[in-house]
């Protein structure tokens, strides 16, 4: 990924009102068990993919996000995440 693309993506996430912004890369098939965050978080996918589900929902469904996709998770909402077979690089805003 070109540095300019990452810097532009981080600037875009800042423009959405997030003050703590950083880029993160997860290995292929990484998994985050159900967890919550204290504040709203956003994820802008740069490379690869991630799949999320909300286990406390009445009928939990999985949704996959690829490059250009944006995932917002509300404060306190339990979610579980799996990375795709290529891993995933994304900008996080908190």
C-alpha atoms as a PDB file:
ATOM      1  CA  UNK A   1       0.000   0.000   0.000  1.00  0.00           C
ATOM      2  CA  UNK A   2       1.371   3.388  -0.926  1.00  0.00           C
ATOM      3  CA  UNK A   3       2.022   5.741   1.979  1.00  0.00           C
ATOM      4  CA  UNK A   4       0.027   8.477   0.241  1.00  0.00           C
ATOM      5  CA  UNK A   5      -3.040   6.239   0.097  1.00  0.00           C
ATOM      6  CA  UNK A   6      -2.734   5.473   3.813  1.00  0.00           C
ATOM      7  CA  UNK A   7      -2.258   9.141   4.704  1.00  0.00           C
ATOM      8  CA  UNK A   8      -5.249  10.117   2.568  1.00  0.00           C
ATOM      9  CA  UNK A   9      -7.394   7.421   4.174  1.00  0.00           C
ATOM     10  CA  UNK A  10      -6.372   8.546   7.662  1.00  0.00           C
ATOM     11  CA  UNK A  11      -7.234  12.150   6.750  1.00  0.00           C
ATOM     12  CA  UNK A  12     -10.631  10.993   5.475  1.00  0.00           C
ATOM     13  CA  UNK A  13     -11.384   9.205   8.755  1.00  0.00           C
ATOM     14  CA  UNK A  14     -10.324  12.321  10.703  1.00  0.00           C
ATOM     15  CA  UNK A  15     -12.754  14.331   8.553  1.00  0.00           C
ATOM     16  CA  UNK A  16     -15.556  12.095   9.880  1.00  0.00           C
ATOM     17  CA  UNK A  17     -14.910  13.521  13.353  1.00  0.00           C
ATOM     18  CA  UNK A  18     -12.584  10.907  14.862  1.00  0.00           C
ATOM     19  CA  UNK A  19      -9.620  12.302  16.802  1.00  0.00           C
ATOM     20  CA  UNK A  20      -7.682   9.058  17.419  1.00  0.00           C
ATOM     21  CA  UNK A  21      -6.896   7.617  13.971  1.00  0.00           C
ATOM     22  CA  UNK A  22      -4.399   4.914  13.025  1.00  0.00           C
ATOM     23  CA  UNK A  23      -3.801   2.181  10.443  1.00  0.00           C
ATOM     24  CA  UNK A  24      -3.733  -1.460  11.534  1.00  0.00           C
ATOM     25  CA  UNK A  25      -2.925  -4.716   9.730  1.00  0.00           C
ATOM     26  CA  UNK A  26      -4.121  -8.146  10.824  1.00  0.00           C
ATOM     27  CA  UNK A  27      -2.700 -11.454   9.661  1.00  0.00           C
ATOM     28  CA  UNK A  28      -4.707 -13.794   7.439  1.00  0.00           C
ATOM     29  CA  UNK A  29      -7.607 -15.476   9.232  1.00  0.00           C
ATOM     30  CA  UNK A  30      -7.080 -13.524  12.472  1.00  0.00           C
ATOM     31  CA  UNK A  31     -10.049 -13.618  14.844  1.00  0.00           C
ATOM     32  CA  UNK A  32     -11.279 -11.249  17.552  1.00  0.00           C
ATOM     33  CA  UNK A  33     -13.775 -12.919  19.903  1.00  0.00           C
ATOM     34  CA  UNK A  34     -16.841 -10.962  21.038  1.00  0.00           C
ATOM     35  CA  UNK A  35     -15.851  -7.635  22.586  1.00  0.00           C
ATOM     36  CA  UNK A  36     -16.996  -4.031  22.993  1.00  0.00           C
ATOM     37  CA  UNK A  37     -15.448  -0.559  22.879  1.00  0.00           C
ATOM     38  CA  UNK A  38     -16.263   2.382  25.140  1.00  0.00           C
ATOM     39  CA  UNK A  39     -16.859   4.742  22.209  1.00  0.00           C
ATOM     40  CA  UNK A  40     -18.012   4.679  18.602  1.00  0.00           C
ATOM     41  CA  UNK A  41     -15.368   3.137  16.323  1.00  0.00           C
ATOM     42  CA  UNK A  42     -15.055   3.158  12.549  1.00  0.00           C
ATOM     43  CA  UNK A  43     -13.018   0.930  10.246  1.00  0.00           C
ATOM     44  CA  UNK A  44     -12.148   1.944   6.656  1.00  0.00           C
ATOM     45  CA  UNK A  45     -10.850  -1.087   4.748  1.00  0.00           C
ATOM     46  CA  UNK A  46      -7.757  -0.476   2.606  1.00  0.00           C
ATOM     47  CA  UNK A  47      -6.725  -4.022   1.667  1.00  0.00           C
ATOM     48  CA  UNK A  48      -8.127  -7.507   2.243  1.00  0.00           C
ATOM     49  CA  UNK A  49     -11.408  -8.099   4.033  1.00  0.00           C
ATOM     50  CA  UNK A  50     -13.052  -8.551   7.394  1.00  0.00           C
ATOM     51  CA  UNK A  51     -16.305 -10.147   8.467  1.00  0.00           C
ATOM     52  CA  UNK A  52     -18.291  -8.975  11.480  1.00  0.00           C
ATOM     53  CA  UNK A  53     -21.250 -10.269  13.434  1.00  0.00           C
ATOM     54  CA  UNK A  54     -23.120  -8.969  16.456  1.00  0.00           C
ATOM     55  CA  UNK A  55     -23.677 -12.017  18.699  1.00  0.00           C
ATOM     56  CA  UNK A  56     -26.204 -10.300  20.965  1.00  0.00           C
ATOM     57  CA  UNK A  57     -28.568  -9.514  18.076  1.00  0.00           C
ATOM     58  CA  UNK A  58     -31.814 -11.488  17.943  1.00  0.00           C
ATOM     59  CA  UNK A  59     -30.763 -13.053  14.625  1.00  0.00           C
ATOM     60  CA  UNK A  60     -26.980 -12.556  14.284  1.00  0.00           C
ATOM     61  CA  UNK A  61     -25.812 -12.311  10.689  1.00  0.00           C
ATOM     62  CA  UNK A  62     -22.326 -11.974   9.246  1.00  0.00           C
ATOM     63  CA  UNK A  63     -21.382  -9.086   6.949  1.00  0.00           C
ATOM     64  CA  UNK A  64     -18.125  -8.867   5.001  1.00  0.00           C
ATOM     65  CA  UNK A  65     -16.349  -5.604   4.114  1.00  0.00           C
ATOM     66  CA  UNK A  66     -13.639  -5.233   1.458  1.00  0.00           C
ATOM     67  CA  UNK A  67     -11.500  -2.354   0.147  1.00  0.00           C
ATOM     68  CA  UNK A  68     -13.340   0.957   0.407  1.00  0.00           C
ATOM     69  CA  UNK A  69     -15.884  -0.470   2.846  1.00  0.00           C
ATOM     70  CA  UNK A  70     -16.699   1.350   6.062  1.00  0.00           C
ATOM     71  CA  UNK A  71     -17.800  -0.395   9.247  1.00  0.00           C
ATOM     72  CA  UNK A  72     -19.073   1.616  12.216  1.00  0.00           C
ATOM     73  CA  UNK A  73     -19.588  -0.083  15.586  1.00  0.00           C
ATOM     74  CA  UNK A  74     -21.603   1.721  18.246  1.00  0.00           C
ATOM     75  CA  UNK A  75     -20.195   2.184  21.741  1.00  0.00           C
ATOM     76  CA  UNK A  76     -20.896  -0.836  23.916  1.00  0.00           C
ATOM     77  CA  UNK A  77     -22.156  -3.040  21.051  1.00  0.00           C
ATOM     78  CA  UNK A  78     -20.725  -6.548  21.265  1.00  0.00           C
ATOM     79  CA  UNK A  79     -19.151  -7.680  17.992  1.00  0.00           C
ATOM     80  CA  UNK A  80     -16.955 -10.520  16.724  1.00  0.00           C
ATOM     81  CA  UNK A  81     -14.558 -10.166  13.785  1.00  0.00           C
ATOM     82  CA  UNK A  82     -12.729 -12.521  11.391  1.00  0.00           C
ATOM     83  CA  UNK A  83     -10.104 -11.423   8.860  1.00  0.00           C
ATOM     84  CA  UNK A  84     -10.091 -12.846   5.355  1.00  0.00           C
ATOM     85  CA  UNK A  85      -7.539 -15.239   3.886  1.00  0.00           C
ATOM     86  CA  UNK A  86      -5.367 -12.293   2.740  1.00  0.00           C
ATOM     87  CA  UNK A  87      -5.482 -10.549   6.112  1.00  0.00           C
ATOM     88  CA  UNK A  88      -6.782  -7.008   6.368  1.00  0.00           C
ATOM     89  CA  UNK A  89      -5.346  -3.495   6.541  1.00  0.00           C
ATOM     90  CA  UNK A  90      -7.718  -0.815   7.746  1.00  0.00           C
ATOM     91  CA  UNK A  91      -7.847   2.649   9.222  1.00  0.00           C
ATOM     92  CA  UNK A  92      -9.458   2.797  12.650  1.00  0.00           C
ATOM     93  CA  UNK A  93     -11.104   5.901  14.038  1.00  0.00           C
ATOM     94  CA  UNK A  94     -11.976   6.220  17.692  1.00  0.00           C
END
